[in-house]
Amino acid sequence: MTETEKIDVQRRRPRFERAPTPELRLTPRDVDLVRAVAAHRFLRSTHLVALSGGSPQKILRRLQLLYHHRYLDRPKMQLDFYERGSEPMVYALGNRGADLLAKEDGCPRGKVNWSAKNGEATRAFLRHTLFVADLMVGFELGARALGHVGLISQGEILARGSEEPRCTRQPLGWRVRVREGGETAELGILPDKFFGLRFEDEPEGKNRSYFFLEADRGTMPVRRQGLIQSSVYRKFLAYAETWRHRLHTRHFGIRYFRVLTVAPTLDRVRHLLEAQASLPGGGSPLFLFAASESLRSGNPLTHPWIDGLGETIGLME
């Protein structure tokens, strides 16, 4: 990692200034880098190096050029996000990057000022978005390593059966009516990500699995009295009712799904398992759990996950 691609947190001297740079001739890899950042909202330079598969030094130089030519941005909140040490730079979509994707992919440009939007990002939002990115990049790299597995992106799933560009679809989310202890409420569900796995060695019709991802950083209460206030238990209840009413088939055209909940520690996972087991009807294999600290040690697709019944299972089973 070069010095210009890191934030020295102790000195607080990141190179955010727009410097005069040579003319940039965009390459297909440049477009892919911008597209990846747009898909994840924020990505570290280390994510982009891993996804590109190219020379780290060359990728870092291209990222700097894309930043100085305003295809990418660097959210200034990362100055406050990091607490110590020297950290990889975080990139966001720039205004010229949005223009580029409008041309390349047919994504409507709209009136969003991405520089202003990136500047409004809070520490909590940046931290959570990067946690989700860590997980999704891990899934994508895990699929590549296996060879016979492909990652189906959220945009690809939502755009299925439509001639519109993938980026023009409505954001993921739906509502479901639930009952708990004599109380009735309509809850909204907005997963952190929705993705699928395509198994190239399986017959058509039996070669796909779909997952809703919940990235739990341990900040939301596991359970609260009633359904008015948000809690992890309330999310579990909404997913269980979604399954019972087959809303996933109505909204997304899929027959099955599982909910992946990734928590920071095994202790937090145990608390979430206990909450899930208290759902009406008890624990369910619909829910799978893992600790992020253990996922980093290998391929998350072959890593042992714990289902709602306490059994160990893999995502490809």
C-alpha atoms as a PDB file:
ATOM      1  CA  MET A   1       0.000   0.000   0.000  1.00  0.00           C
ATOM      2  CA  THR A   2       1.547   3.353  -0.990  1.00  0.00           C
ATOM      3  CA  GLU A   3       1.739   6.287   1.388  1.00  0.00           C
ATOM      4  CA  THR A   4      -0.597   8.348  -0.829  1.00  0.00           C
ATOM      5  CA  GLU A   5      -3.236   5.642  -0.568  1.00  0.00           C
ATOM      6  CA  LYS A   6      -3.404   5.639   3.210  1.00  0.00           C
ATOM      7  CA  ILE A   7      -4.740   7.981   5.829  1.00  0.00           C
ATOM      8  CA  ASP A   8      -2.224   8.718   8.546  1.00  0.00           C
ATOM      9  CA  VAL A   9      -4.794   9.095  11.305  1.00  0.00           C
ATOM     10  CA  GLN A  10      -2.370  10.351  13.909  1.00  0.00           C
ATOM     11  CA  ARG A  11      -1.175  13.222  11.725  1.00  0.00           C
ATOM     12  CA  ARG A  12      -4.568  13.770  10.077  1.00  0.00           C
ATOM     13  CA  ARG A  13      -2.963  14.536   6.717  1.00  0.00           C
ATOM     14  CA  PRO A  14      -4.784  12.564   4.045  1.00  0.00           C
ATOM     15  CA  ARG A  15      -4.123  13.662   0.507  1.00  0.00           C
ATOM     16  CA  PHE A  16      -7.638  14.825  -0.310  1.00  0.00           C
ATOM     17  CA  GLU A  17      -6.573  17.862  -2.337  1.00  0.00           C
ATOM     18  CA  ARG A  18      -7.402  17.787  -6.035  1.00  0.00           C
ATOM     19  CA  ALA A  19      -4.039  18.105  -7.722  1.00  0.00           C
ATOM     20  CA  PRO A  20      -3.364  18.799 -11.413  1.00  0.00           C
ATOM     21  CA  THR A  21      -3.006  15.416 -13.064  1.00  0.00           C
ATOM     22  CA  PRO A  22      -2.192  14.072 -16.508  1.00  0.00           C
ATOM     23  CA  GLU A  23      -5.032  13.456 -18.920  1.00  0.00           C
ATOM     24  CA  LEU A  24      -6.914  10.297 -18.027  1.00  0.00           C
ATOM     25  CA  ARG A  25      -7.781   7.825 -20.754  1.00  0.00           C
ATOM     26  CA  LEU A  26     -10.421   5.542 -19.252  1.00  0.00           C
ATOM     27  CA  THR A  27      -9.912   1.795 -19.536  1.00  0.00           C
ATOM     28  CA  PRO A  28     -12.481  -1.019 -19.103  1.00  0.00           C
ATOM     29  CA  ARG A  29     -10.914  -1.719 -15.701  1.00  0.00           C
ATOM     30  CA  ASP A  30     -11.448   1.914 -14.687  1.00  0.00           C
ATOM     31  CA  VAL A  31     -15.128   1.577 -15.528  1.00  0.00           C
ATOM     32  CA  ASP A  32     -15.306  -1.622 -13.485  1.00  0.00           C
ATOM     33  CA  LEU A  33     -13.713   0.142 -10.508  1.00  0.00           C
ATOM     34  CA  VAL A  34     -16.275   2.946 -10.671  1.00  0.00           C
ATOM     35  CA  ARG A  35     -19.089   0.420 -11.114  1.00  0.00           C
ATOM     36  CA  ALA A  36     -17.950  -1.557  -8.053  1.00  0.00           C
ATOM     37  CA  VAL A  37     -17.863   1.561  -5.876  1.00  0.00           C
ATOM     38  CA  ALA A  38     -21.342   2.554  -7.069  1.00  0.00           C
ATOM     39  CA  ALA A  39     -22.709  -0.914  -6.271  1.00  0.00           C
ATOM     40  CA  HIS A  40     -21.382  -0.905  -2.695  1.00  0.00           C
ATOM     41  CA  ARG A  41     -21.673   2.853  -1.918  1.00  0.00           C
ATOM     42  CA  PHE A  42     -18.300   2.896  -0.123  1.00  0.00           C
ATOM     43  CA  LEU A  43     -15.298   0.638  -0.683  1.00  0.00           C
ATOM     44  CA  ARG A  44     -11.810   0.596   0.739  1.00  0.00           C
ATOM     45  CA  SER A  45      -8.895   0.611  -1.669  1.00  0.00           C
ATOM     46  CA  THR A  46      -8.078  -2.889  -0.388  1.00  0.00           C
ATOM     47  CA  HIS A  47     -11.540  -4.079  -1.484  1.00  0.00           C
ATOM     48  CA  LEU A  48     -10.979  -2.680  -4.970  1.00  0.00           C
ATOM     49  CA  VAL A  49      -7.528  -4.227  -5.261  1.00  0.00           C
ATOM     50  CA  ALA A  50      -8.936  -7.627  -4.282  1.00  0.00           C
ATOM     51  CA  LEU A  51     -11.896  -7.381  -6.670  1.00  0.00           C
ATOM     52  CA  SER A  52      -9.809  -6.206  -9.627  1.00  0.00           C
ATOM     53  CA  GLY A  53      -7.251  -8.987  -9.362  1.00  0.00           C
ATOM     54  CA  GLY A  54      -4.576  -6.736 -10.836  1.00  0.00           C
ATOM     55  CA  SER A  55      -1.298  -5.326  -9.587  1.00  0.00           C
ATOM     56  CA  PRO A  56      -1.979  -3.526  -6.278  1.00  0.00           C
ATOM     57  CA  GLN A  57       0.312  -0.621  -7.143  1.00  0.00           C
ATOM     58  CA  LYS A  58      -1.277  -0.129 -10.559  1.00  0.00           C
ATOM     59  CA  ILE A  59      -4.792  -0.269  -9.123  1.00  0.00           C
ATOM     60  CA  LEU A  60      -3.901   2.264  -6.421  1.00  0.00           C
ATOM     61  CA  ARG A  61      -2.491   4.621  -9.044  1.00  0.00           C
ATOM     62  CA  ARG A  62      -5.674   4.301 -11.129  1.00  0.00           C
ATOM     63  CA  LEU A  63      -7.806   4.995  -8.051  1.00  0.00           C
ATOM     64  CA  GLN A  64      -5.845   8.171  -7.402  1.00  0.00           C
ATOM     65  CA  LEU A  65      -6.336   9.289 -11.002  1.00  0.00           C
ATOM     66  CA  LEU A  66     -10.047   8.474 -10.883  1.00  0.00           C
ATOM     67  CA  TYR A  67     -10.295  10.548  -7.708  1.00  0.00           C
ATOM     68  CA  HIS A  68      -8.405  13.542  -9.079  1.00  0.00           C
ATOM     69  CA  HIS A  69     -10.543  13.473 -12.233  1.00  0.00           C
ATOM     70  CA  ARG A  70     -13.706  13.317 -10.054  1.00  0.00           C
ATOM     71  CA  TYR A  71     -14.910   9.896 -11.152  1.00  0.00           C
ATOM     72  CA  LEU A  72     -14.445   8.798  -7.548  1.00  0.00           C
ATOM     73  CA  ASP A  73     -14.644  10.701  -4.290  1.00  0.00           C
ATOM     74  CA  ARG A  74     -13.092  10.284  -0.836  1.00  0.00           C
ATOM     75  CA  PRO A  75     -15.615  10.904   1.973  1.00  0.00           C
ATOM     76  CA  LYS A  76     -14.013  13.189   4.521  1.00  0.00           C
ATOM     77  CA  MET A  77     -15.858  11.479   7.384  1.00  0.00           C
ATOM     78  CA  GLN A  78     -13.238   8.724   7.230  1.00  0.00           C
ATOM     79  CA  LEU A  79     -10.943  11.134   9.092  1.00  0.00           C
ATOM     80  CA  ASP A  80     -13.158  10.737  12.158  1.00  0.00           C
ATOM     81  CA  PHE A  81     -14.048   7.118  11.396  1.00  0.00           C
ATOM     82  CA  TYR A  82     -10.596   5.695  12.008  1.00  0.00           C
ATOM     83  CA  GLU A  83      -9.327   5.741  15.556  1.00  0.00           C
ATOM     84  CA  ARG A  84      -5.662   4.899  15.187  1.00  0.00           C
ATOM     85  CA  GLY A  85      -2.991   3.727  12.818  1.00  0.00           C
ATOM     86  CA  SER A  86      -2.665   4.098   9.070  1.00  0.00           C
ATOM     87  CA  GLU A  87      -5.745   2.928   7.170  1.00  0.00           C
ATOM     88  CA  PRO A  88      -6.682   2.188   3.521  1.00  0.00           C
ATOM     89  CA  MET A  89      -8.480   5.019   1.758  1.00  0.00           C
ATOM     90  CA  VAL A  90     -12.270   4.805   1.408  1.00  0.00           C
ATOM     91  CA  TYR A  91     -13.747   5.646  -1.998  1.00  0.00           C
ATOM     92  CA  ALA A  92     -17.226   6.761  -3.010  1.00  0.00           C
ATOM     93  CA  LEU A  93     -18.885   7.588  -6.318  1.00  0.00           C
ATOM     94  CA  GLY A  94     -18.030  10.980  -7.789  1.00  0.00           C
ATOM     95  CA  ASN A  95     -20.177  13.148 -10.024  1.00  0.00           C
ATOM     96  CA  ARG A  96     -18.248  12.284 -13.175  1.00  0.00           C
ATOM     97  CA  GLY A  97     -18.455   8.626 -12.183  1.00  0.00           C
ATOM     98  CA  ALA A  98     -22.250   8.899 -12.086  1.00  0.00           C
ATOM     99  CA  ASP A  99     -22.155  10.511 -15.535  1.00  0.00           C
ATOM    100  CA  LEU A 100     -19.951   7.663 -16.759  1.00  0.00           C
ATOM    101  CA  LEU A 101     -22.322   4.948 -15.532  1.00  0.00           C
ATOM    102  CA  ALA A 102     -25.279   6.798 -17.059  1.00  0.00           C
ATOM    103  CA  LYS A 103     -23.502   6.492 -20.391  1.00  0.00           C
ATOM    104  CA  GLU A 104     -22.104   2.977 -19.978  1.00  0.00           C
ATOM    105  CA  ASP A 105     -25.009   1.244 -18.195  1.00  0.00           C
ATOM    106  CA  GLY A 106     -28.009   3.455 -18.907  1.00  0.00           C
ATOM    107  CA  CYS A 107     -28.301   4.392 -15.224  1.00  0.00           C
ATOM    108  CA  PRO A 108     -30.309   7.613 -14.870  1.00  0.00           C
ATOM    109  CA  ARG A 109     -28.004  10.367 -13.631  1.00  0.00           C
ATOM    110  CA  GLY A 110     -30.681  12.277 -11.763  1.00  0.00           C
ATOM    111  CA  LYS A 111     -29.843  15.466  -9.890  1.00  0.00           C
ATOM    112  CA  VAL A 112     -27.778  13.943  -7.092  1.00  0.00           C
ATOM    113  CA  ASN A 113     -24.676  15.896  -6.187  1.00  0.00           C
ATOM    114  CA  TRP A 114     -22.529  12.994  -5.104  1.00  0.00           C
ATOM    115  CA  SER A 115     -19.800  15.184  -3.632  1.00  0.00           C
ATOM    116  CA  ALA A 116     -22.344  16.804  -1.312  1.00  0.00           C
ATOM    117  CA  LYS A 117     -24.001  13.474  -0.533  1.00  0.00           C
ATOM    118  CA  ASN A 118     -20.670  11.887   0.361  1.00  0.00           C
ATOM    119  CA  GLY A 119     -19.863  14.836   2.572  1.00  0.00           C
ATOM    120  CA  GLU A 120     -23.071  14.272   4.541  1.00  0.00           C
ATOM    121  CA  ALA A 121     -22.246  10.659   5.405  1.00  0.00           C
ATOM    122  CA  THR A 122     -22.188  10.081   9.153  1.00  0.00           C
ATOM    123  CA  ARG A 123     -19.683   8.006  11.046  1.00  0.00           C
ATOM    124  CA  ALA A 124     -22.339   5.362  11.830  1.00  0.00           C
ATOM    125  CA  PHE A 125     -23.426   5.130   8.190  1.00  0.00           C
ATOM    126  CA  LEU A 126     -19.853   4.834   6.941  1.00  0.00           C
ATOM    127  CA  ARG A 127     -19.013   2.193   9.534  1.00  0.00           C
ATOM    128  CA  HIS A 128     -22.094   0.095   8.755  1.00  0.00           C
ATOM    129  CA  THR A 129     -21.737   0.395   4.970  1.00  0.00           C
ATOM    130  CA  LEU A 130     -18.116  -0.733   5.109  1.00  0.00           C
ATOM    131  CA  PHE A 131     -19.100  -3.677   7.321  1.00  0.00           C
ATOM    132  CA  VAL A 132     -21.625  -4.744   4.663  1.00  0.00           C
ATOM    133  CA  ALA A 133     -18.991  -4.225   1.968  1.00  0.00           C
ATOM    134  CA  ASP A 134     -16.514  -6.429   3.866  1.00  0.00           C
ATOM    135  CA  LEU A 135     -19.083  -9.234   3.838  1.00  0.00           C
ATOM    136  CA  MET A 136     -20.222  -8.854   0.231  1.00  0.00           C
ATOM    137  CA  VAL A 137     -16.685  -8.628  -1.131  1.00  0.00           C
ATOM    138  CA  GLY A 138     -15.913 -11.781   0.865  1.00  0.00           C
ATOM    139  CA  PHE A 139     -18.849 -13.588  -0.735  1.00  0.00           C
ATOM    140  CA  GLU A 140     -17.797 -12.507  -4.222  1.00  0.00           C
ATOM    141  CA  LEU A 141     -14.177 -13.522  -3.749  1.00  0.00           C
ATOM    142  CA  GLY A 142     -15.319 -16.793  -2.176  1.00  0.00           C
ATOM    143  CA  ALA A 143     -17.442 -17.585  -5.221  1.00  0.00           C
ATOM    144  CA  ARG A 144     -14.545 -16.843  -7.556  1.00  0.00           C
ATOM    145  CA  ALA A 145     -12.250 -19.117  -5.556  1.00  0.00           C
ATOM    146  CA  LEU A 146     -14.655 -22.045  -5.879  1.00  0.00           C
ATOM    147  CA  GLY A 147     -14.953 -21.634  -9.622  1.00  0.00           C
ATOM    148  CA  HIS A 148     -18.275 -23.428 -10.074  1.00  0.00           C
ATOM    149  CA  VAL A 149     -20.275 -20.844  -8.113  1.00  0.00           C
ATOM    150  CA  GLY A 150     -21.384 -17.443  -9.359  1.00  0.00           C
ATOM    151  CA  LEU A 151     -22.656 -14.526  -7.307  1.00  0.00           C
ATOM    152  CA  ILE A 152     -26.022 -13.124  -8.427  1.00  0.00           C
ATOM    153  CA  SER A 153     -26.150  -9.432  -7.583  1.00  0.00           C
ATOM    154  CA  GLN A 154     -29.071  -7.629  -6.026  1.00  0.00           C
ATOM    155  CA  GLY A 155     -29.507  -5.544  -9.184  1.00  0.00           C
ATOM    156  CA  GLU A 156     -29.643  -8.639 -11.354  1.00  0.00           C
ATOM    157  CA  ILE A 157     -32.344 -10.209  -9.176  1.00  0.00           C
ATOM    158  CA  LEU A 158     -34.480  -7.075  -8.965  1.00  0.00           C
ATOM    159  CA  ALA A 159     -34.226  -6.396 -12.705  1.00  0.00           C
ATOM    160  CA  ARG A 160     -35.188  -9.935 -13.699  1.00  0.00           C
ATOM    161  CA  GLY A 161     -38.047  -9.934 -16.182  1.00  0.00           C
ATOM    162  CA  SER A 162     -37.585  -6.225 -16.884  1.00  0.00           C
ATOM    163  CA  GLU A 163     -35.926  -4.490 -19.815  1.00  0.00           C
ATOM    164  CA  GLU A 164     -34.984  -1.545 -17.615  1.00  0.00           C
ATOM    165  CA  PRO A 165     -31.332  -1.118 -16.577  1.00  0.00           C
ATOM    166  CA  ARG A 166     -30.591  -2.841 -13.299  1.00  0.00           C
ATOM    167  CA  CYS A 167     -29.907   0.452 -11.601  1.00  0.00           C
ATOM    168  CA  THR A 168     -33.374   1.876 -12.354  1.00  0.00           C
ATOM    169  CA  ARG A 169     -35.260  -0.594 -10.178  1.00  0.00           C
ATOM    170  CA  GLN A 170     -36.872   0.516  -6.946  1.00  0.00           C
ATOM    171  CA  PRO A 171     -34.753   0.054  -3.798  1.00  0.00           C
ATOM    172  CA  LEU A 172     -35.087  -3.225  -1.974  1.00  0.00           C
ATOM    173  CA  GLY A 173     -37.733  -3.253   0.743  1.00  0.00           C
ATOM    174  CA  TRP A 174     -41.246  -4.392   1.583  1.00  0.00           C
ATOM    175  CA  ARG A 175     -43.828  -4.338   4.375  1.00  0.00           C
ATOM    176  CA  VAL A 176     -45.444  -7.192   6.273  1.00  0.00           C
ATOM    177  CA  ARG A 177     -48.174  -7.343   8.930  1.00  0.00           C
ATOM    178  CA  VAL A 178     -47.234  -9.222  12.106  1.00  0.00           C
ATOM    179  CA  ARG A 179     -48.905 -10.183  15.392  1.00  0.00           C
ATOM    180  CA  GLU A 180     -47.129 -10.570  18.710  1.00  0.00           C
ATOM    181  CA  GLY A 181     -48.688 -10.884  22.162  1.00  0.00           C
ATOM    182  CA  GLY A 182     -52.035  -9.531  21.021  1.00  0.00           C
ATOM    183  CA  GLU A 183     -50.367  -6.575  19.301  1.00  0.00           C
ATOM    184  CA  THR A 184     -50.584  -6.062  15.519  1.00  0.00           C
ATOM    185  CA  ALA A 185     -48.197  -3.913  13.496  1.00  0.00           C
ATOM    186  CA  GLU A 186     -47.110  -3.432   9.910  1.00  0.00           C
ATOM    187  CA  LEU A 187     -43.342  -3.625   9.764  1.00  0.00           C
ATOM    188  CA  GLY A 188     -41.003  -2.526   7.032  1.00  0.00           C
ATOM    189  CA  ILE A 189     -38.085  -4.753   6.050  1.00  0.00           C
ATOM    190  CA  LEU A 190     -34.979  -3.326   4.382  1.00  0.00           C
ATOM    191  CA  PRO A 191     -32.179  -5.928   4.240  1.00  0.00           C
ATOM    192  CA  ASP A 192     -28.618  -4.731   4.039  1.00  0.00           C
ATOM    193  CA  LYS A 193     -28.199  -6.774   0.851  1.00  0.00           C
ATOM    194  CA  PHE A 194     -30.054  -9.297  -1.272  1.00  0.00           C
ATOM    195  CA  PHE A 195     -27.981 -11.720  -3.353  1.00  0.00           C
ATOM    196  CA  GLY A 196     -27.976 -15.190  -4.806  1.00  0.00           C
ATOM    197  CA  LEU A 197     -25.625 -18.034  -5.626  1.00  0.00           C
ATOM    198  CA  ARG A 198     -25.671 -19.790  -8.986  1.00  0.00           C
ATOM    199  CA  PHE A 199     -24.269 -23.335  -9.034  1.00  0.00           C
ATOM    200  CA  GLU A 200     -22.877 -24.064 -12.477  1.00  0.00           C
ATOM    201  CA  ASP A 201     -22.737 -27.837 -11.922  1.00  0.00           C
ATOM    202  CA  GLU A 202     -26.429 -28.169 -10.988  1.00  0.00           C
ATOM    203  CA  PRO A 203     -29.410 -28.498 -13.373  1.00  0.00           C
ATOM    204  CA  GLU A 204     -31.469 -25.417 -14.236  1.00  0.00           C
ATOM    205  CA  GLY A 205     -34.249 -24.842 -11.755  1.00  0.00           C
ATOM    206  CA  LYS A 206     -32.214 -26.343  -8.905  1.00  0.00           C
ATOM    207  CA  ASN A 207     -29.076 -24.291  -9.217  1.00  0.00           C
ATOM    208  CA  ARG A 208     -29.877 -21.098  -7.308  1.00  0.00           C
ATOM    209  CA  SER A 209     -30.066 -20.051  -3.670  1.00  0.00           C
ATOM    210  CA  TYR A 210     -31.103 -16.628  -2.406  1.00  0.00           C
ATOM    211  CA  PHE A 211     -30.132 -14.767   0.740  1.00  0.00           C
ATOM    212  CA  PHE A 212     -31.068 -11.608   2.602  1.00  0.00           C
ATOM    213  CA  LEU A 213     -28.104 -10.241   4.535  1.00  0.00           C
ATOM    214  CA  GLU A 214     -28.388  -8.582   7.933  1.00  0.00           C
ATOM    215  CA  ALA A 215     -25.093  -7.078   9.110  1.00  0.00           C
ATOM    216  CA  ASP A 216     -25.450  -6.732  12.880  1.00  0.00           C
ATOM    217  CA  ARG A 217     -22.789  -4.551  14.509  1.00  0.00           C
ATOM    218  CA  GLY A 218     -24.168  -5.122  17.994  1.00  0.00           C
ATOM    219  CA  THR A 219     -25.671  -1.635  18.293  1.00  0.00           C
ATOM    220  CA  MET A 220     -29.382  -2.527  17.976  1.00  0.00           C
ATOM    221  CA  PRO A 221     -31.163  -3.973  21.033  1.00  0.00           C
ATOM    222  CA  VAL A 222     -31.827  -7.687  20.655  1.00  0.00           C
ATOM    223  CA  ARG A 223     -35.349  -7.360  22.002  1.00  0.00           C
ATOM    224  CA  ARG A 224     -37.706  -4.653  23.289  1.00  0.00           C
ATOM    225  CA  GLN A 225     -41.148  -4.636  24.807  1.00  0.00           C
ATOM    226  CA  GLY A 226     -43.778  -4.497  22.052  1.00  0.00           C
ATOM    227  CA  LEU A 227     -43.410  -3.904  18.329  1.00  0.00           C
ATOM    228  CA  ILE A 228     -43.170  -0.125  18.186  1.00  0.00           C
ATOM    229  CA  GLN A 229     -39.427   0.177  18.762  1.00  0.00           C
ATOM    230  CA  SER A 230     -36.871  -1.447  16.493  1.00  0.00           C
ATOM    231  CA  SER A 231     -35.033  -4.578  17.614  1.00  0.00           C
ATOM    232  CA  VAL A 232     -33.316  -7.574  16.081  1.00  0.00           C
ATOM    233  CA  TYR A 233     -36.146  -9.822  17.281  1.00  0.00           C
ATOM    234  CA  ARG A 234     -38.637  -7.642  15.403  1.00  0.00           C
ATOM    235  CA  LYS A 235     -36.620  -8.207  12.211  1.00  0.00           C
ATOM    236  CA  PHE A 236     -36.717 -11.971  12.751  1.00  0.00           C
ATOM    237  CA  LEU A 237     -40.467 -11.815  13.263  1.00  0.00           C
ATOM    238  CA  ALA A 238     -40.941  -9.843  10.031  1.00  0.00           C
ATOM    239  CA  TYR A 239     -38.843 -12.302   8.017  1.00  0.00           C
ATOM    240  CA  ALA A 240     -40.741 -15.260   9.487  1.00  0.00           C
ATOM    241  CA  GLU A 241     -44.059 -13.677   8.475  1.00  0.00           C
ATOM    242  CA  THR A 242     -42.665 -12.876   5.031  1.00  0.00           C
ATOM    243  CA  TRP A 243     -41.931 -16.584   4.612  1.00  0.00           C
ATOM    244  CA  ARG A 244     -45.314 -17.640   5.955  1.00  0.00           C
ATOM    245  CA  HIS A 245     -47.214 -15.365   3.580  1.00  0.00           C
ATOM    246  CA  ARG A 246     -44.869 -16.096   0.626  1.00  0.00           C
ATOM    247  CA  LEU A 247     -44.222 -12.403   0.097  1.00  0.00           C
ATOM    248  CA  HIS A 248     -40.786 -13.177  -1.298  1.00  0.00           C
ATOM    249  CA  THR A 249     -42.412 -14.995  -4.213  1.00  0.00           C
ATOM    250  CA  ARG A 250     -44.843 -12.158  -4.816  1.00  0.00           C
ATOM    251  CA  HIS A 251     -42.209  -9.422  -4.687  1.00  0.00           C
ATOM    252  CA  PHE A 252     -39.107 -11.092  -6.116  1.00  0.00           C
ATOM    253  CA  GLY A 253     -40.258 -14.229  -7.929  1.00  0.00           C
ATOM    254  CA  ILE A 254     -38.188 -16.582  -5.758  1.00  0.00           C
ATOM    255  CA  ARG A 255     -39.461 -19.714  -4.022  1.00  0.00           C
ATOM    256  CA  TYR A 256     -36.967 -19.936  -1.177  1.00  0.00           C
ATOM    257  CA  PHE A 257     -34.648 -17.689   0.780  1.00  0.00           C
ATOM    258  CA  ARG A 258     -32.570 -17.693   3.932  1.00  0.00           C
ATOM    259  CA  VAL A 259     -31.584 -14.834   6.206  1.00  0.00           C
ATOM    260  CA  LEU A 260     -27.873 -14.472   6.939  1.00  0.00           C
ATOM    261  CA  THR A 261     -27.131 -12.572  10.132  1.00  0.00           C
ATOM    262  CA  VAL A 262     -23.497 -11.703  10.744  1.00  0.00           C
ATOM    263  CA  ALA A 263     -22.611 -10.371  14.201  1.00  0.00           C
ATOM    264  CA  PRO A 264     -19.253  -9.143  15.522  1.00  0.00           C
ATOM    265  CA  THR A 265     -18.664 -11.921  18.073  1.00  0.00           C
ATOM    266  CA  LEU A 266     -19.789 -15.436  18.944  1.00  0.00           C
ATOM    267  CA  ASP A 267     -21.251 -14.093  22.168  1.00  0.00           C
ATOM    268  CA  ARG A 268     -23.525 -11.758  20.198  1.00  0.00           C
ATOM    269  CA  VAL A 269     -24.460 -14.683  17.925  1.00  0.00           C
ATOM    270  CA  ARG A 270     -25.586 -16.664  20.982  1.00  0.00           C
ATOM    271  CA  HIS A 271     -27.863 -13.824  22.079  1.00  0.00           C
ATOM    272  CA  LEU A 272     -29.370 -13.579  18.600  1.00  0.00           C
ATOM    273  CA  LEU A 273     -29.953 -17.329  18.465  1.00  0.00           C
ATOM    274  CA  GLU A 274     -31.800 -17.170  21.762  1.00  0.00           C
ATOM    275  CA  ALA A 275     -34.019 -14.345  20.489  1.00  0.00           C
ATOM    276  CA  GLN A 276     -34.761 -16.192  17.261  1.00  0.00           C
ATOM    277  CA  ALA A 277     -35.634 -19.374  19.171  1.00  0.00           C
ATOM    278  CA  SER A 278     -38.371 -17.439  21.011  1.00  0.00           C
ATOM    279  CA  LEU A 279     -40.287 -16.733  17.794  1.00  0.00           C
ATOM    280  CA  PRO A 280     -43.801 -18.221  17.565  1.00  0.00           C
ATOM    281  CA  GLY A 281     -43.145 -21.782  16.455  1.00  0.00           C
ATOM    282  CA  GLY A 282     -39.576 -21.737  17.781  1.00  0.00           C
ATOM    283  CA  GLY A 283     -36.261 -21.649  15.950  1.00  0.00           C
ATOM    284  CA  SER A 284     -36.139 -22.100  12.203  1.00  0.00           C
ATOM    285  CA  PRO A 285     -33.574 -23.174   9.573  1.00  0.00           C
ATOM    286  CA  LEU A 286     -34.690 -20.041   7.704  1.00  0.00           C
ATOM    287  CA  PHE A 287     -32.112 -18.147   9.771  1.00  0.00           C
ATOM    288  CA  LEU A 288     -28.341 -18.641   9.594  1.00  0.00           C
ATOM    289  CA  PHE A 289     -25.792 -16.999  11.880  1.00  0.00           C
ATOM    290  CA  ALA A 290     -22.029 -16.404  11.887  1.00  0.00           C
ATOM    291  CA  ALA A 291     -19.513 -14.174  13.661  1.00  0.00           C
ATOM    292  CA  SER A 292     -17.554 -11.812  11.430  1.00  0.00           C
ATOM    293  CA  GLU A 293     -14.394 -12.523  13.407  1.00  0.00           C
ATOM    294  CA  SER A 294     -14.517 -16.160  12.242  1.00  0.00           C
ATOM    295  CA  LEU A 295     -15.705 -15.461   8.673  1.00  0.00           C
ATOM    296  CA  ARG A 296     -12.469 -13.614   7.936  1.00  0.00           C
ATOM    297  CA  SER A 297     -10.447 -16.787   8.438  1.00  0.00           C
ATOM    298  CA  GLY A 298     -11.640 -18.541   5.278  1.00  0.00           C
ATOM    299  CA  ASN A 299     -14.187 -18.746   2.485  1.00  0.00           C
ATOM    300  CA  PRO A 300     -17.596 -17.586   3.812  1.00  0.00           C
ATOM    301  CA  LEU A 301     -19.367 -19.881   1.338  1.00  0.00           C
ATOM    302  CA  THR A 302     -17.799 -22.991   2.834  1.00  0.00           C
ATOM    303  CA  HIS A 303     -17.604 -21.648   6.388  1.00  0.00           C
ATOM    304  CA  PRO A 304     -19.858 -23.468   8.912  1.00  0.00           C
ATOM    305  CA  TRP A 305     -22.912 -21.341   9.749  1.00  0.00           C
ATOM    306  CA  ILE A 306     -25.321 -22.017  12.638  1.00  0.00           C
ATOM    307  CA  ASP A 307     -28.997 -22.270  11.735  1.00  0.00           C
ATOM    308  CA  GLY A 308     -31.953 -21.392  13.938  1.00  0.00           C
ATOM    309  CA  LEU A 309     -32.156 -24.980  15.196  1.00  0.00           C
ATOM    310  CA  GLY A 310     -28.563 -24.875  16.418  1.00  0.00           C
ATOM    311  CA  GLU A 311     -27.304 -27.101  13.599  1.00  0.00           C
ATOM    312  CA  THR A 312     -24.125 -26.410  11.608  1.00  0.00           C
ATOM    313  CA  ILE A 313     -24.684 -25.909   7.886  1.00  0.00           C
ATOM    314  CA  GLY A 314     -22.949 -24.455   4.827  1.00  0.00           C
ATOM    315  CA  LEU A 315     -24.462 -21.917   2.458  1.00  0.00           C
ATOM    316  CA  MET A 316     -24.208 -24.344  -0.450  1.00  0.00           C
ATOM    317  CA  GLU A 317     -26.147 -27.123   1.270  1.00  0.00           C
END
